[in-house]
Protein backbone atom coordinates (compact mmCIF):
# COMPACT_ATOMS: atom_id res chain seq x y z
CA UNK A 1 -4.65 -111.59 39.60
CA UNK A 2 -6.64 -108.97 41.24
CA UNK A 3 -5.70 -105.32 39.38
CA UNK A 4 -6.44 -102.32 42.18
CA UNK A 5 -5.28 -99.68 39.80
CA UNK A 6 -3.80 -99.18 36.40
CA UNK A 7 -3.20 -96.33 34.19
CA UNK A 8 -0.23 -95.94 31.38
CA UNK A 9 2.29 -95.76 33.40
CA UNK A 10 1.96 -98.23 36.28
CA UNK A 11 -0.50 -100.79 37.93
CA UNK A 12 -1.17 -102.04 41.68
CA UNK A 13 -2.18 -105.62 42.00
CA UNK A 14 -3.18 -107.84 45.00
CA UNK A 15 -0.14 -110.68 45.27
CA UNK A 16 -2.04 -113.80 46.45
CA UNK A 17 0.26 -116.09 48.73
CA UNK A 18 2.36 -118.81 47.48
CA UNK A 19 3.52 -117.68 44.33
CA UNK A 20 6.71 -115.80 43.89
CA UNK A 21 7.01 -112.50 42.67
CA UNK A 22 9.94 -113.33 40.25
CA UNK A 23 12.54 -115.93 39.44
CA UNK A 24 13.71 -119.05 37.13
CA UNK A 25 10.11 -120.66 37.78
CA UNK A 26 7.14 -120.45 35.15
CA UNK A 27 4.52 -119.26 37.95
CA UNK A 28 5.63 -115.70 38.87
CA UNK A 29 3.80 -112.34 39.29
CA UNK A 30 6.04 -111.46 36.48
CA UNK A 31 5.18 -113.80 33.80
CA UNK A 32 1.32 -113.36 34.49
CA UNK A 33 1.49 -109.60 34.65
CA UNK A 34 1.23 -109.05 30.33
CA UNK A 35 -1.99 -111.44 30.62
CA UNK A 36 -3.62 -109.61 33.54
CA UNK A 37 -2.74 -105.71 32.59
CA UNK A 38 -4.00 -103.33 29.58
CA UNK A 39 -0.82 -102.64 27.50
CA UNK A 40 0.63 -99.10 27.80
CA UNK A 41 -0.28 -96.64 24.77
CA UNK A 42 3.06 -94.89 25.42
CA UNK A 43 6.46 -94.79 23.18
CA UNK A 44 8.71 -96.59 25.87
CA UNK A 45 6.35 -99.50 26.57
CA UNK A 46 7.74 -102.69 28.00
CA UNK A 47 7.08 -105.30 29.46
CA UNK A 48 5.46 -104.96 33.12
CA UNK A 49 7.46 -105.14 35.65
CA UNK A 50 7.32 -105.25 39.76
CA UNK A 51 9.34 -102.75 41.29
CA UNK A 52 9.57 -104.41 44.65
CA UNK A 53 9.48 -107.65 46.15
CA UNK A 54 6.93 -109.86 48.73
CA UNK A 55 7.87 -112.72 50.05
CA UNK A 56 6.33 -116.14 48.61
CA UNK A 57 4.09 -116.26 51.64
CA UNK A 58 3.40 -112.82 51.76
CA UNK A 59 0.13 -111.38 50.70
CA UNK A 60 -0.83 -107.79 49.51
CA UNK A 61 -0.06 -104.84 47.16
CA UNK A 62 2.41 -104.92 44.51
CA UNK A 63 3.80 -102.12 42.47
CA UNK A 64 4.62 -102.52 38.98
CA UNK A 65 5.89 -100.35 36.21
CA UNK A 66 4.52 -100.39 32.89
CA UNK A 67 6.86 -98.50 30.47
CA UNK A 68 10.89 -98.06 31.15
CA UNK A 69 10.58 -94.76 32.35
CA UNK A 70 8.11 -95.43 34.88
CA UNK A 71 10.08 -98.66 36.03
CA UNK A 72 13.14 -96.58 36.37
CA UNK A 73 11.58 -93.81 38.18
CA UNK A 74 9.43 -96.53 40.54
CA UNK A 75 12.78 -98.17 41.49
CA UNK A 76 14.39 -94.90 42.08
CA UNK A 77 11.34 -93.59 44.69
CA UNK A 78 12.01 -97.23 46.79
CA UNK A 79 15.45 -96.11 46.68
CA UNK A 80 14.71 -93.04 48.15
CA UNK A 81 12.47 -94.17 50.45
CA UNK A 82 9.48 -92.04 49.14
CA UNK A 83 7.24 -94.63 49.30
CA UNK A 84 5.56 -95.35 52.30
CA UNK A 85 4.75 -99.06 52.77
CA UNK A 86 2.25 -100.49 55.51
CA UNK A 87 1.96 -103.95 56.67
CA UNK A 88 -0.49 -105.83 59.12
CA UNK A 89 0.82 -108.94 60.80
CA UNK A 90 -0.65 -111.37 63.34
CA UNK A 91 2.03 -112.00 66.26
CA UNK A 92 2.36 -114.60 69.16
CA UNK A 93 3.14 -113.56 72.79
CA UNK A 94 2.69 -110.69 75.16
CA UNK A 95 3.72 -107.33 73.31
CA UNK A 96 4.59 -103.72 74.54
CA UNK A 97 2.33 -101.02 72.86
CA UNK A 98 4.50 -99.49 70.69
CA UNK A 99 8.14 -99.80 69.41
CA UNK A 100 11.16 -99.05 67.08
CA UNK A 101 13.18 -102.03 66.17
CA UNK A 102 16.67 -101.11 65.02
CA UNK A 103 18.34 -104.58 65.38
CA UNK A 104 20.68 -105.03 62.45
CA UNK A 105 20.07 -107.40 59.27
CA UNK A 106 22.87 -108.86 57.80
CA UNK A 107 25.80 -106.21 59.52
CA UNK A 108 23.17 -103.45 57.88
CA UNK A 109 21.56 -100.86 59.65
CA UNK A 110 17.62 -101.65 60.07
CA UNK A 111 14.36 -99.89 61.24
CA UNK A 112 10.72 -101.06 62.00
CA UNK A 113 8.02 -99.52 63.69
CA UNK A 114 5.14 -101.23 64.35
CA UNK A 115 2.04 -100.31 66.86
CA UNK A 116 -0.16 -102.89 68.98
CA UNK A 117 -3.35 -102.52 67.73
CA UNK A 118 -5.52 -105.46 69.53
CA UNK A 119 -4.46 -108.48 71.41
CA UNK A 120 -7.14 -111.85 72.05
CA UNK A 121 -6.39 -114.97 74.24
CA UNK A 122 -5.35 -118.34 72.83
CA UNK A 123 -4.78 -121.42 74.35
CA UNK A 124 -1.87 -122.54 72.29
CA UNK A 125 -0.45 -119.74 71.74
CA UNK A 126 -1.06 -117.38 75.01
CA UNK A 127 -1.57 -114.18 73.13
CA UNK A 128 -2.14 -113.13 69.45
CA UNK A 129 -1.62 -109.87 68.63
CA UNK A 130 -2.81 -107.74 65.83
CA UNK A 131 0.19 -105.29 64.78
CA UNK A 132 0.45 -102.63 62.08
CA UNK A 133 4.09 -102.55 60.60
CA UNK A 134 6.15 -99.57 58.63
CA UNK A 135 9.63 -100.67 57.48
CA UNK A 136 11.62 -97.84 56.94
CA UNK A 137 14.57 -99.96 55.50
CA UNK A 138 14.03 -102.68 53.08
CA UNK A 139 16.01 -105.89 53.97
CA UNK A 140 15.36 -109.38 53.04
CA UNK A 141 12.74 -110.70 55.48
CA UNK A 142 13.07 -107.65 57.44
CA UNK A 143 9.88 -107.66 59.56
CA UNK A 144 10.10 -111.22 60.32
CA UNK A 145 13.33 -110.85 61.62
CA UNK A 146 12.62 -108.07 63.44
CA UNK A 147 9.30 -109.39 65.34
CA UNK A 148 11.10 -112.69 65.93
CA UNK A 149 14.42 -110.71 67.76
CA UNK A 150 11.72 -109.05 70.11
CA UNK A 151 10.25 -112.25 71.03
CA UNK A 152 7.04 -111.87 68.63
CA UNK A 153 7.28 -113.86 66.08
CA UNK A 154 4.83 -113.63 62.88
CA UNK A 155 2.15 -116.46 63.42
CA UNK A 156 2.97 -119.31 60.36
CA UNK A 157 6.58 -118.30 60.03
CA UNK A 158 8.24 -121.69 59.85
CA UNK A 159 11.85 -119.85 59.69
CA UNK A 160 11.68 -117.37 62.18
CA UNK A 161 9.06 -119.07 64.68
CA UNK A 162 9.64 -120.40 67.79
CA UNK A 163 10.01 -124.16 67.43
CA UNK A 164 6.98 -125.47 69.66
CA UNK A 165 4.38 -122.76 68.28
CA UNK A 166 4.74 -123.54 64.51
CA UNK A 167 1.11 -122.91 62.95
CA UNK A 168 1.57 -125.24 59.87
CA UNK A 169 -1.02 -125.34 56.79
CA UNK A 170 -2.39 -122.09 57.37
CA UNK A 171 0.78 -119.86 55.68
CA UNK A 172 1.97 -116.72 57.24
CA UNK A 173 0.19 -114.01 58.62
CA UNK A 174 1.98 -110.96 57.19
CA UNK A 175 0.10 -108.96 55.03
CA UNK A 176 1.46 -105.78 52.73
CA UNK A 177 -1.72 -104.08 53.35
CA UNK A 178 -1.31 -100.38 51.59
CA UNK A 179 1.33 -97.99 49.11
CA UNK A 180 1.34 -94.22 49.36
CA UNK A 181 3.15 -92.11 47.09
CA UNK A 182 3.26 -89.28 44.71
CA UNK A 183 2.68 -90.62 41.45
CA UNK A 184 5.69 -89.46 39.33
CA UNK A 185 3.68 -88.91 35.90
CA UNK A 186 0.81 -86.87 37.50
CA UNK A 187 2.37 -85.58 40.91
CA UNK A 188 -0.95 -86.36 42.80
CA UNK A 189 -0.77 -88.19 45.96
CA UNK A 190 -2.04 -91.85 45.57
CA UNK A 191 -2.88 -94.47 48.35
CA UNK A 192 -3.71 -97.89 47.54
CA UNK A 193 -5.06 -100.48 50.10
CA UNK A 194 -5.87 -103.88 49.42
CA UNK A 195 -8.36 -106.38 51.54
CA UNK A 196 -6.98 -108.98 54.90
CA UNK A 197 -7.16 -112.35 54.01
CA UNK A 198 -9.79 -114.14 55.69
CA UNK A 199 -7.82 -116.10 58.06
CA UNK A 200 -6.99 -112.10 59.72
CA UNK A 201 -10.97 -111.99 59.59
CA UNK A 202 -11.42 -115.02 61.25
CA UNK A 203 -8.89 -113.87 64.51
CA UNK A 204 -9.89 -109.97 64.61
CA UNK A 205 -13.04 -109.72 62.98
CA UNK A 206 -14.53 -105.85 63.98
CA UNK A 207 -10.88 -104.55 63.81
CA UNK A 208 -10.10 -105.88 60.38
CA UNK A 209 -13.82 -104.08 59.29
CA UNK A 210 -12.45 -100.71 61.01
CA UNK A 211 -9.16 -100.51 59.46
CA UNK A 212 -10.31 -101.29 55.81
CA UNK A 213 -13.01 -98.73 56.52
CA UNK A 214 -10.66 -95.92 57.12
CA UNK A 215 -7.38 -94.46 55.34
CA UNK A 216 -5.07 -96.17 57.72
């Protein structure tokens, strides 16, 4: 497990694909944290806990609390939408340049923003697009459902993809790229980002390098 940052209060790790954040399975991020993080020296130290979720197939940055107070405050920050999350995905089909998606999910108001960064021609899929995504709400599978709803499902999405255009064996092309928030104990703004999976770089080589070189 790659640790991107940690102090006595919190940690940021890079979640690989194909592992649950939590659950009844033995192999979860939650179960692995104690072996991969330094124990906090603070009086309310507790078992490290992720304070948000990423899908089983999604890669990227995951925020973890290391004390009772930090877990409580970080959870509250997510509830109050004080943590800015940025994702990148590869989608299928022709797309417009930028759009706000507001379709309801499970009967609840949901909103995602996307920006089209680059498109390449694909013999099998017609067009493959690199999109930057910012979810403004946190519904289950929100980005996957929203992109599917406008006819541009994420590459490798077996649940919400187009039947004849499911890419098998490569995983889901959805990456939780960065987190930005005010550290609840130092009051400093922090920004954490994780490198793209190689499968992204194989399609959009120059654009991946450009994004990672900037605070984007």
